[in-house]
Amino acid sequence: MRVEIIADKCQGHGMCNMVCPSVFKHDEDGFGYVVAELAEVPAELQDEVRLAEVQCPERAIVIED
């Protein structure tokens, strides 16, 4: 699984970081981004990433299986 945040849609609500801080971080302006080192989301974090996708009010998280 791969995941990304569409920067144009992110409004900085921070839900992704609250749900899965191992994958999602905030920049200095409060907008979310995916940790660059993650080429593939580890299996043990995939459920959390899917929950973050659902919790994002702006639907800025895109998952590619």
C-alpha atoms as a PDB file:
ATOM      1  CA  MET A   1       0.000   0.000   0.000  1.00  0.00           C
ATOM      2  CA  ARG A   2       1.114   3.536  -0.796  1.00  0.00           C
ATOM      3  CA  VAL A   3      -0.439   6.681   0.611  1.00  0.00           C
ATOM      4  CA  GLU A   4      -0.237  10.383  -0.148  1.00  0.00           C
ATOM      5  CA  ILE A   5      -1.872  13.611   0.945  1.00  0.00           C
ATOM      6  CA  ILE A   6      -3.125  15.912  -1.783  1.00  0.00           C
ATOM      7  CA  ALA A   7      -1.637  19.210  -0.627  1.00  0.00           C
ATOM      8  CA  ASP A   8      -4.268  21.356  -2.355  1.00  0.00           C
ATOM      9  CA  LYS A   9      -7.040  19.659  -0.375  1.00  0.00           C
ATOM     10  CA  CYS A  10      -5.403  19.501   3.065  1.00  0.00           C
ATOM     11  CA  GLN A  11      -6.762  22.150   5.446  1.00  0.00           C
ATOM     12  CA  GLY A  12      -4.593  21.180   8.417  1.00  0.00           C
ATOM     13  CA  HIS A  13      -7.244  19.582  10.636  1.00  0.00           C
ATOM     14  CA  GLY A  14      -4.649  17.124  11.934  1.00  0.00           C
ATOM     15  CA  MET A  15      -6.892  14.069  12.031  1.00  0.00           C
ATOM     16  CA  CYS A  16      -4.401  11.966  10.060  1.00  0.00           C
ATOM     17  CA  ASN A  17      -1.632  12.685  12.547  1.00  0.00           C
ATOM     18  CA  MET A  18      -3.890  11.889  15.502  1.00  0.00           C
ATOM     19  CA  VAL A  19      -4.924   8.551  13.988  1.00  0.00           C
ATOM     20  CA  CYS A  20      -1.550   7.431  12.607  1.00  0.00           C
ATOM     21  CA  PRO A  21       1.404   9.561  13.747  1.00  0.00           C
ATOM     22  CA  SER A  22       3.887   6.997  12.424  1.00  0.00           C
ATOM     23  CA  VAL A  23       2.842   7.783   8.844  1.00  0.00           C
ATOM     24  CA  PHE A  24       1.422  11.321   8.923  1.00  0.00           C
ATOM     25  CA  LYS A  25       3.225  14.414  10.205  1.00  0.00           C
ATOM     26  CA  HIS A  26       2.559  18.178  10.184  1.00  0.00           C
ATOM     27  CA  ASP A  27       4.685  20.794   8.470  1.00  0.00           C
ATOM     28  CA  GLU A  28       5.512  24.167  10.071  1.00  0.00           C
ATOM     29  CA  ASP A  29       2.176  25.570   8.823  1.00  0.00           C
ATOM     30  CA  GLY A  30       0.134  22.701  10.287  1.00  0.00           C
ATOM     31  CA  PHE A  31      -0.576  20.885   7.036  1.00  0.00           C
ATOM     32  CA  GLY A  32      -0.240  17.114   6.837  1.00  0.00           C
ATOM     33  CA  TYR A  33       2.295  15.139   4.878  1.00  0.00           C
ATOM     34  CA  VAL A  34       3.379  11.512   4.594  1.00  0.00           C
ATOM     35  CA  VAL A  35       6.715  10.554   6.111  1.00  0.00           C
ATOM     36  CA  ALA A  36       9.085  10.523   3.115  1.00  0.00           C
ATOM     37  CA  GLU A  37      10.868   7.334   4.130  1.00  0.00           C
ATOM     38  CA  LEU A  38       7.707   5.273   3.638  1.00  0.00           C
ATOM     39  CA  ALA A  39       7.787   3.914   0.105  1.00  0.00           C
ATOM     40  CA  GLU A  40       5.333   1.261   1.269  1.00  0.00           C
ATOM     41  CA  VAL A  41       3.105   1.410   4.346  1.00  0.00           C
ATOM     42  CA  PRO A  42       4.001  -1.509   6.638  1.00  0.00           C
ATOM     43  CA  ALA A  43       1.235  -4.082   7.108  1.00  0.00           C
ATOM     44  CA  GLU A  44       0.886  -3.270  10.811  1.00  0.00           C
ATOM     45  CA  LEU A  45       0.007   0.374  10.011  1.00  0.00           C
ATOM     46  CA  GLN A  46      -2.373  -0.171   7.104  1.00  0.00           C
ATOM     47  CA  ASP A  47      -5.551  -0.273   9.205  1.00  0.00           C
ATOM     48  CA  GLU A  48      -4.593   3.017  10.844  1.00  0.00           C
ATOM     49  CA  VAL A  49      -3.878   4.594   7.456  1.00  0.00           C
ATOM     50  CA  ARG A  50      -7.287   3.483   6.177  1.00  0.00           C
ATOM     51  CA  LEU A  51      -8.926   4.958   9.283  1.00  0.00           C
ATOM     52  CA  ALA A  52      -7.055   8.230   8.720  1.00  0.00           C
ATOM     53  CA  GLU A  53      -8.357   8.287   5.145  1.00  0.00           C
ATOM     54  CA  VAL A  54     -11.949   7.973   6.385  1.00  0.00           C
ATOM     55  CA  GLN A  55     -11.419  10.526   9.171  1.00  0.00           C
ATOM     56  CA  CYS A  56     -10.000  13.225   6.864  1.00  0.00           C
ATOM     57  CA  PRO A  57     -12.741  15.865   6.517  1.00  0.00           C
ATOM     58  CA  GLU A  58     -11.290  17.135   3.246  1.00  0.00           C
ATOM     59  CA  ARG A  59     -10.720  13.679   1.715  1.00  0.00           C
ATOM     60  CA  ALA A  60      -7.122  14.689   1.056  1.00  0.00           C
ATOM     61  CA  ILE A  61      -5.659  11.230   1.710  1.00  0.00           C
ATOM     62  CA  VAL A  62      -5.268   8.918  -1.275  1.00  0.00           C
ATOM     63  CA  ILE A  63      -4.442   5.246  -0.856  1.00  0.00           C
ATOM     64  CA  GLU A  64      -3.055   3.106  -3.657  1.00  0.00           C
ATOM     65  CA  ASP A  65      -3.146  -0.656  -3.037  1.00  0.00           C
END
